[in-house]
N, C-alpha and C. Protein backbone atom coordinates (compact mmCIF):
# COMPACT_ATOMS: atom_id res chain seq x y z
N MET A 1 24.41 5.20 -1.15
CA MET A 1 23.15 5.62 -1.70
C MET A 1 23.38 6.19 -3.09
N ALA A 2 22.52 5.88 -4.04
CA ALA A 2 22.67 6.33 -5.42
C ALA A 2 22.49 7.84 -5.52
N ALA A 3 23.23 8.44 -6.43
CA ALA A 3 23.13 9.87 -6.66
C ALA A 3 21.83 10.19 -7.38
N VAL A 4 21.31 11.37 -7.13
CA VAL A 4 20.11 11.82 -7.80
C VAL A 4 20.45 12.08 -9.27
N LYS A 5 19.59 11.58 -10.17
CA LYS A 5 19.87 11.72 -11.60
C LYS A 5 19.46 13.07 -12.16
N THR A 6 18.41 13.66 -11.64
CA THR A 6 17.93 14.94 -12.16
C THR A 6 18.45 16.07 -11.29
N THR A 7 19.45 16.77 -11.79
CA THR A 7 20.04 17.89 -11.07
C THR A 7 20.10 19.11 -11.98
N LYS A 8 20.30 20.26 -11.37
CA LYS A 8 20.38 21.51 -12.12
C LYS A 8 21.62 21.49 -13.01
N THR A 9 21.45 21.94 -14.25
CA THR A 9 22.55 22.00 -15.20
C THR A 9 22.81 23.44 -15.61
N THR A 10 23.81 23.64 -16.44
CA THR A 10 24.09 24.97 -16.97
C THR A 10 23.61 25.10 -18.42
N ALA A 11 22.88 24.11 -18.91
CA ALA A 11 22.37 24.15 -20.29
C ALA A 11 21.39 25.32 -20.45
N SER A 12 21.28 25.80 -21.65
CA SER A 12 20.44 26.95 -21.96
C SER A 12 18.96 26.57 -22.01
N VAL A 13 18.17 27.24 -21.18
CA VAL A 13 16.72 27.04 -21.20
C VAL A 13 16.15 27.56 -22.52
N THR A 14 16.66 28.68 -22.98
CA THR A 14 16.18 29.26 -24.25
C THR A 14 16.38 28.28 -25.39
N LYS A 15 17.56 27.69 -25.49
CA LYS A 15 17.83 26.72 -26.56
C LYS A 15 16.94 25.50 -26.41
N PHE A 16 16.73 25.06 -25.18
CA PHE A 16 15.85 23.91 -24.93
C PHE A 16 14.44 24.21 -25.41
N LEU A 17 13.90 25.37 -25.05
CA LEU A 17 12.55 25.73 -25.46
C LEU A 17 12.46 25.95 -26.97
N ASP A 18 13.48 26.56 -27.54
CA ASP A 18 13.50 26.78 -28.99
C ASP A 18 13.48 25.48 -29.77
N ALA A 19 13.98 24.40 -29.18
CA ALA A 19 14.07 23.12 -29.86
C ALA A 19 12.77 22.31 -29.82
N ILE A 20 11.76 22.80 -29.11
CA ILE A 20 10.48 22.09 -29.06
C ILE A 20 9.84 22.20 -30.44
N GLU A 21 9.59 21.06 -31.06
CA GLU A 21 9.12 21.04 -32.45
C GLU A 21 7.73 21.62 -32.63
N ASP A 22 6.79 21.25 -31.79
CA ASP A 22 5.42 21.70 -31.93
C ASP A 22 5.33 23.19 -31.55
N PRO A 23 4.90 24.05 -32.47
CA PRO A 23 4.87 25.49 -32.17
C PRO A 23 3.89 25.87 -31.07
N VAL A 24 2.78 25.14 -30.94
CA VAL A 24 1.82 25.42 -29.87
C VAL A 24 2.42 25.02 -28.53
N ARG A 25 3.03 23.84 -28.46
CA ARG A 25 3.66 23.40 -27.21
C ARG A 25 4.80 24.35 -26.83
N ARG A 26 5.58 24.80 -27.81
CA ARG A 26 6.67 25.74 -27.56
C ARG A 26 6.13 27.05 -26.97
N ALA A 27 5.06 27.58 -27.56
CA ALA A 27 4.45 28.82 -27.05
C ALA A 27 3.88 28.61 -25.65
N ASP A 28 3.22 27.46 -25.41
CA ASP A 28 2.69 27.15 -24.09
C ASP A 28 3.81 27.11 -23.05
N CYS A 29 4.91 26.49 -23.40
CA CYS A 29 6.04 26.39 -22.47
C CYS A 29 6.62 27.77 -22.16
N ARG A 30 6.71 28.61 -23.15
CA ARG A 30 7.22 29.97 -22.90
C ARG A 30 6.28 30.74 -21.97
N GLU A 31 4.98 30.54 -22.14
CA GLU A 31 4.01 31.21 -21.27
C GLU A 31 4.11 30.69 -19.84
N VAL A 32 4.21 29.38 -19.67
CA VAL A 32 4.36 28.80 -18.33
C VAL A 32 5.67 29.28 -17.69
N ALA A 33 6.72 29.36 -18.48
CA ALA A 33 8.01 29.85 -17.97
C ALA A 33 7.87 31.27 -17.43
N LYS A 34 7.14 32.12 -18.15
CA LYS A 34 6.93 33.51 -17.68
C LYS A 34 6.18 33.52 -16.36
N MET A 35 5.15 32.68 -16.25
CA MET A 35 4.38 32.61 -15.00
C MET A 35 5.24 32.16 -13.83
N MET A 36 6.06 31.15 -14.07
CA MET A 36 6.89 30.60 -12.99
C MET A 36 8.01 31.56 -12.62
N GLU A 37 8.58 32.24 -13.59
CA GLU A 37 9.62 33.23 -13.29
C GLU A 37 9.03 34.36 -12.46
N LYS A 38 7.85 34.82 -12.83
CA LYS A 38 7.19 35.89 -12.09
C LYS A 38 6.88 35.44 -10.65
N ALA A 39 6.38 34.22 -10.50
CA ALA A 39 5.99 33.71 -9.18
C ALA A 39 7.18 33.51 -8.25
N THR A 40 8.32 33.09 -8.81
CA THR A 40 9.49 32.79 -7.97
C THR A 40 10.49 33.94 -7.89
N GLY A 41 10.46 34.82 -8.89
CA GLY A 41 11.46 35.89 -8.94
C GLY A 41 12.83 35.35 -9.36
N THR A 42 12.85 34.17 -9.96
CA THR A 42 14.12 33.57 -10.40
C THR A 42 14.02 33.17 -11.87
N LYS A 43 15.16 33.15 -12.52
CA LYS A 43 15.25 32.67 -13.90
C LYS A 43 15.17 31.15 -13.89
N GLY A 44 14.71 30.60 -14.99
CA GLY A 44 14.62 29.15 -15.12
C GLY A 44 15.98 28.53 -15.34
N ALA A 45 16.10 27.28 -14.93
CA ALA A 45 17.32 26.49 -15.16
C ALA A 45 16.88 25.13 -15.66
N LEU A 46 17.70 24.53 -16.49
CA LEU A 46 17.39 23.19 -16.97
C LEU A 46 17.86 22.17 -15.93
N TRP A 47 16.95 21.32 -15.52
CA TRP A 47 17.23 20.25 -14.57
C TRP A 47 17.22 18.96 -15.36
N GLY A 48 18.32 18.25 -15.34
CA GLY A 48 18.44 17.06 -16.16
C GLY A 48 18.37 17.49 -17.62
N THR A 49 17.70 16.69 -18.43
CA THR A 49 17.64 17.00 -19.86
C THR A 49 16.29 17.54 -20.30
N SER A 50 15.29 17.56 -19.38
CA SER A 50 13.96 17.91 -19.88
C SER A 50 13.05 18.66 -18.91
N ILE A 51 13.57 19.14 -17.79
CA ILE A 51 12.74 19.87 -16.84
C ILE A 51 13.28 21.29 -16.71
N VAL A 52 12.38 22.26 -16.86
CA VAL A 52 12.74 23.66 -16.62
C VAL A 52 12.24 23.98 -15.22
N GLY A 53 13.17 24.31 -14.32
CA GLY A 53 12.82 24.56 -12.94
C GLY A 53 13.12 25.98 -12.52
N PHE A 54 12.39 26.45 -11.51
CA PHE A 54 12.52 27.82 -11.02
C PHE A 54 12.68 27.78 -9.51
N GLY A 55 13.71 28.46 -9.01
CA GLY A 55 14.00 28.40 -7.59
C GLY A 55 14.43 26.98 -7.23
N SER A 56 14.63 26.76 -5.95
CA SER A 56 14.97 25.41 -5.50
C SER A 56 14.75 25.29 -4.00
N TYR A 57 14.67 24.07 -3.56
CA TYR A 57 14.60 23.77 -2.14
C TYR A 57 15.35 22.48 -1.89
N ARG A 58 15.71 22.25 -0.65
CA ARG A 58 16.43 21.04 -0.27
C ARG A 58 15.52 20.20 0.61
N TYR A 59 15.54 18.90 0.38
CA TYR A 59 14.72 17.99 1.16
C TYR A 59 15.54 16.74 1.47
N ALA A 60 15.19 16.11 2.59
CA ALA A 60 15.88 14.89 3.00
C ALA A 60 15.24 13.70 2.31
N SER A 61 16.10 12.80 1.83
CA SER A 61 15.63 11.58 1.19
C SER A 61 16.53 10.45 1.69
N GLY A 62 16.05 9.76 2.68
CA GLY A 62 16.89 8.71 3.27
C GLY A 62 18.05 9.34 4.00
N LYS A 63 19.28 8.97 3.62
CA LYS A 63 20.47 9.46 4.31
C LYS A 63 21.11 10.65 3.61
N GLN A 64 20.48 11.13 2.54
CA GLN A 64 21.07 12.26 1.83
C GLN A 64 20.07 13.38 1.67
N GLU A 65 20.58 14.54 1.33
CA GLU A 65 19.75 15.69 1.08
C GLU A 65 19.77 15.95 -0.42
N ASN A 66 18.62 16.25 -0.99
CA ASN A 66 18.52 16.50 -2.42
C ASN A 66 17.99 17.89 -2.68
N GLU A 67 18.22 18.37 -3.89
CA GLU A 67 17.72 19.68 -4.30
C GLU A 67 16.74 19.46 -5.45
N TRP A 68 15.65 20.27 -5.45
CA TRP A 68 14.64 20.17 -6.49
C TRP A 68 14.05 21.57 -6.70
N PRO A 69 13.55 21.86 -7.89
CA PRO A 69 12.96 23.18 -8.13
C PRO A 69 11.70 23.43 -7.29
N LEU A 70 11.49 24.68 -6.90
CA LEU A 70 10.24 25.04 -6.22
C LEU A 70 9.05 24.72 -7.12
N VAL A 71 9.14 25.13 -8.37
CA VAL A 71 8.16 24.80 -9.39
C VAL A 71 8.91 24.55 -10.69
N GLY A 72 8.28 23.81 -11.58
CA GLY A 72 8.93 23.54 -12.86
C GLY A 72 7.95 22.90 -13.82
N PHE A 73 8.44 22.65 -15.02
CA PHE A 73 7.61 22.00 -16.03
C PHE A 73 8.48 21.24 -17.00
N SER A 74 7.82 20.33 -17.73
CA SER A 74 8.50 19.57 -18.76
C SER A 74 7.55 19.41 -19.94
N PRO A 75 8.02 19.71 -21.14
CA PRO A 75 7.18 19.57 -22.33
C PRO A 75 7.18 18.14 -22.85
N ARG A 76 6.55 17.25 -22.12
CA ARG A 76 6.48 15.85 -22.53
C ARG A 76 5.66 15.72 -23.81
N LYS A 77 5.79 14.61 -24.51
CA LYS A 77 5.06 14.41 -25.77
C LYS A 77 3.55 14.45 -25.57
N GLY A 78 3.05 13.71 -24.59
CA GLY A 78 1.61 13.62 -24.39
C GLY A 78 1.00 14.79 -23.67
N ASP A 79 1.71 15.33 -22.71
CA ASP A 79 1.18 16.40 -21.86
C ASP A 79 2.27 17.40 -21.53
N LEU A 80 1.84 18.60 -21.23
CA LEU A 80 2.72 19.58 -20.61
C LEU A 80 2.62 19.29 -19.12
N THR A 81 3.71 18.85 -18.53
CA THR A 81 3.71 18.42 -17.14
C THR A 81 4.26 19.53 -16.26
N LEU A 82 3.46 19.96 -15.28
CA LEU A 82 3.88 20.99 -14.34
C LEU A 82 4.14 20.35 -12.98
N TYR A 83 5.27 20.67 -12.40
CA TYR A 83 5.64 20.19 -11.07
C TYR A 83 5.34 21.33 -10.11
N ILE A 84 4.22 21.20 -9.42
CA ILE A 84 3.83 22.30 -8.54
C ILE A 84 3.44 21.76 -7.17
N LEU A 85 2.26 22.02 -6.70
CA LEU A 85 1.84 21.70 -5.34
C LEU A 85 2.19 20.27 -4.90
N PRO A 86 2.54 20.10 -3.63
CA PRO A 86 2.80 18.75 -3.12
C PRO A 86 1.49 18.04 -2.79
N GLY A 87 0.57 17.99 -3.73
CA GLY A 87 -0.74 17.38 -3.54
C GLY A 87 -1.83 18.37 -3.92
N PHE A 88 -2.92 17.88 -4.50
CA PHE A 88 -3.96 18.76 -5.01
C PHE A 88 -5.29 18.62 -4.27
N GLU A 89 -5.38 17.64 -3.37
CA GLU A 89 -6.63 17.40 -2.67
C GLU A 89 -7.05 18.65 -1.90
N GLY A 90 -8.33 18.99 -2.00
CA GLY A 90 -8.86 20.11 -1.24
C GLY A 90 -8.54 21.48 -1.80
N ASN A 91 -7.87 21.55 -2.93
CA ASN A 91 -7.55 22.85 -3.50
C ASN A 91 -8.72 23.29 -4.38
N ALA A 92 -9.40 24.35 -3.96
CA ALA A 92 -10.60 24.84 -4.66
C ALA A 92 -10.30 25.32 -6.07
N LEU A 93 -9.09 25.75 -6.34
CA LEU A 93 -8.75 26.25 -7.67
C LEU A 93 -8.80 25.15 -8.73
N MET A 94 -8.59 23.91 -8.33
CA MET A 94 -8.55 22.82 -9.30
C MET A 94 -9.87 22.69 -10.06
N ALA A 95 -10.99 22.94 -9.40
CA ALA A 95 -12.30 22.82 -10.04
C ALA A 95 -12.52 23.94 -11.07
N LYS A 96 -11.77 25.01 -10.94
CA LYS A 96 -11.91 26.16 -11.84
C LYS A 96 -10.88 26.17 -12.96
N LEU A 97 -9.92 25.27 -12.90
CA LEU A 97 -8.78 25.30 -13.82
C LEU A 97 -9.17 24.99 -15.26
N GLY A 98 -9.95 23.97 -15.46
CA GLY A 98 -10.26 23.51 -16.81
C GLY A 98 -9.77 22.08 -16.98
N LYS A 99 -9.59 21.66 -18.21
CA LYS A 99 -9.23 20.28 -18.52
C LYS A 99 -7.80 19.97 -18.06
N HIS A 100 -7.67 18.97 -17.16
CA HIS A 100 -6.37 18.60 -16.61
C HIS A 100 -6.45 17.21 -15.98
N LYS A 101 -5.30 16.67 -15.68
CA LYS A 101 -5.17 15.46 -14.88
C LYS A 101 -4.11 15.77 -13.82
N THR A 102 -4.12 15.00 -12.74
CA THR A 102 -3.12 15.20 -11.70
C THR A 102 -2.46 13.89 -11.33
N GLY A 103 -1.24 14.01 -10.83
CA GLY A 103 -0.52 12.92 -10.21
C GLY A 103 -0.20 13.38 -8.81
N LYS A 104 0.76 12.75 -8.16
CA LYS A 104 1.09 13.10 -6.79
C LYS A 104 1.42 14.60 -6.66
N SER A 105 2.36 15.08 -7.40
CA SER A 105 2.73 16.50 -7.39
C SER A 105 2.80 17.05 -8.81
N CYS A 106 2.17 16.37 -9.74
CA CYS A 106 2.22 16.78 -11.15
C CYS A 106 0.84 17.18 -11.64
N LEU A 107 0.84 18.21 -12.43
CA LEU A 107 -0.36 18.67 -13.11
C LEU A 107 -0.13 18.45 -14.59
N TYR A 108 -1.00 17.68 -15.22
CA TYR A 108 -0.85 17.34 -16.63
C TYR A 108 -1.86 18.11 -17.46
N LEU A 109 -1.36 18.86 -18.43
CA LEU A 109 -2.21 19.64 -19.32
C LEU A 109 -1.94 19.24 -20.76
N LYS A 110 -2.98 19.10 -21.55
CA LYS A 110 -2.78 18.88 -22.99
C LYS A 110 -2.26 20.15 -23.62
N GLY A 111 -2.75 21.29 -23.13
CA GLY A 111 -2.30 22.58 -23.63
C GLY A 111 -2.96 23.70 -22.85
N LEU A 112 -2.41 24.89 -22.96
CA LEU A 112 -2.94 26.03 -22.22
C LEU A 112 -4.31 26.47 -22.73
N ALA A 113 -4.65 26.12 -23.96
CA ALA A 113 -5.96 26.47 -24.50
C ALA A 113 -7.09 25.81 -23.72
N ASP A 114 -6.79 24.73 -23.00
CA ASP A 114 -7.80 23.97 -22.25
C ASP A 114 -8.02 24.47 -20.83
N VAL A 115 -7.23 25.47 -20.39
CA VAL A 115 -7.32 25.89 -18.99
C VAL A 115 -7.48 27.41 -18.88
N ASP A 116 -7.94 27.83 -17.71
CA ASP A 116 -8.05 29.24 -17.38
C ASP A 116 -6.65 29.71 -16.93
N LEU A 117 -6.04 30.59 -17.70
CA LEU A 117 -4.67 31.00 -17.40
C LEU A 117 -4.54 31.76 -16.09
N LEU A 118 -5.57 32.52 -15.72
CA LEU A 118 -5.52 33.24 -14.43
C LEU A 118 -5.54 32.25 -13.27
N VAL A 119 -6.33 31.19 -13.39
CA VAL A 119 -6.38 30.16 -12.35
C VAL A 119 -5.04 29.42 -12.30
N LEU A 120 -4.48 29.11 -13.46
CA LEU A 120 -3.18 28.44 -13.49
C LEU A 120 -2.12 29.30 -12.82
N GLU A 121 -2.12 30.58 -13.11
CA GLU A 121 -1.14 31.47 -12.49
C GLU A 121 -1.33 31.51 -10.97
N LYS A 122 -2.57 31.53 -10.51
CA LYS A 122 -2.84 31.50 -9.06
C LYS A 122 -2.32 30.21 -8.44
N LEU A 123 -2.51 29.09 -9.13
CA LEU A 123 -2.01 27.80 -8.63
C LEU A 123 -0.49 27.82 -8.51
N ILE A 124 0.18 28.40 -9.49
CA ILE A 124 1.65 28.47 -9.45
C ILE A 124 2.10 29.36 -8.30
N VAL A 125 1.47 30.52 -8.14
CA VAL A 125 1.83 31.43 -7.04
C VAL A 125 1.59 30.75 -5.70
N GLU A 126 0.44 30.08 -5.57
CA GLU A 126 0.12 29.36 -4.33
C GLU A 126 1.14 28.26 -4.05
N SER A 127 1.52 27.55 -5.09
CA SER A 127 2.50 26.48 -4.94
C SER A 127 3.83 27.01 -4.42
N VAL A 128 4.28 28.11 -4.98
CA VAL A 128 5.55 28.70 -4.54
C VAL A 128 5.45 29.08 -3.06
N ALA A 129 4.34 29.69 -2.67
CA ALA A 129 4.16 30.09 -1.27
C ALA A 129 4.16 28.88 -0.34
N VAL A 130 3.45 27.82 -0.73
CA VAL A 130 3.38 26.60 0.08
C VAL A 130 4.78 25.98 0.22
N MET A 131 5.50 25.89 -0.89
CA MET A 131 6.82 25.27 -0.86
C MET A 131 7.82 26.09 -0.06
N ARG A 132 7.75 27.40 -0.17
CA ARG A 132 8.67 28.25 0.60
C ARG A 132 8.36 28.17 2.10
N ALA A 133 7.09 28.04 2.45
CA ALA A 133 6.72 27.89 3.86
C ALA A 133 7.17 26.53 4.39
N LYS A 134 7.02 25.50 3.58
CA LYS A 134 7.38 24.15 3.99
C LYS A 134 8.90 23.95 4.05
N TYR A 135 9.60 24.58 3.13
CA TYR A 135 11.07 24.42 3.03
C TYR A 135 11.74 25.80 3.03
N PRO A 136 11.76 26.47 4.20
CA PRO A 136 12.40 27.79 4.24
C PRO A 136 13.89 27.69 3.92
N ALA A 137 14.39 28.69 3.25
CA ALA A 137 15.81 28.68 2.84
C ALA A 137 16.74 28.77 4.02
């Protein structure tokens, strides 16, 4: 079975965030990092080359077990991508969040100016609780 490509590294999260060219995207990422650190009680780690993750859990994938952050984000060119809840259907907070798109477990934001930060923080806290309940350490 092929090895997982995105794994936790020892690269500096601070240097990664400092290298984000767009000053608004850089500030948004720092704000999301603070929210995720507060929600998980853990410092961020760089996963692969472009994901900042907080905490971790292990899950089975075929014949191997993999590790992934409890929550994380990536400052993609088009969107700030947040890796949070394992699905958004039925979550009442989504209607209150503001301008966003969703994927399977991804929340796509153009920027934090488009969303209610208190609602976003609640979503992150909720996500951490759901993931910890689903994947106890």
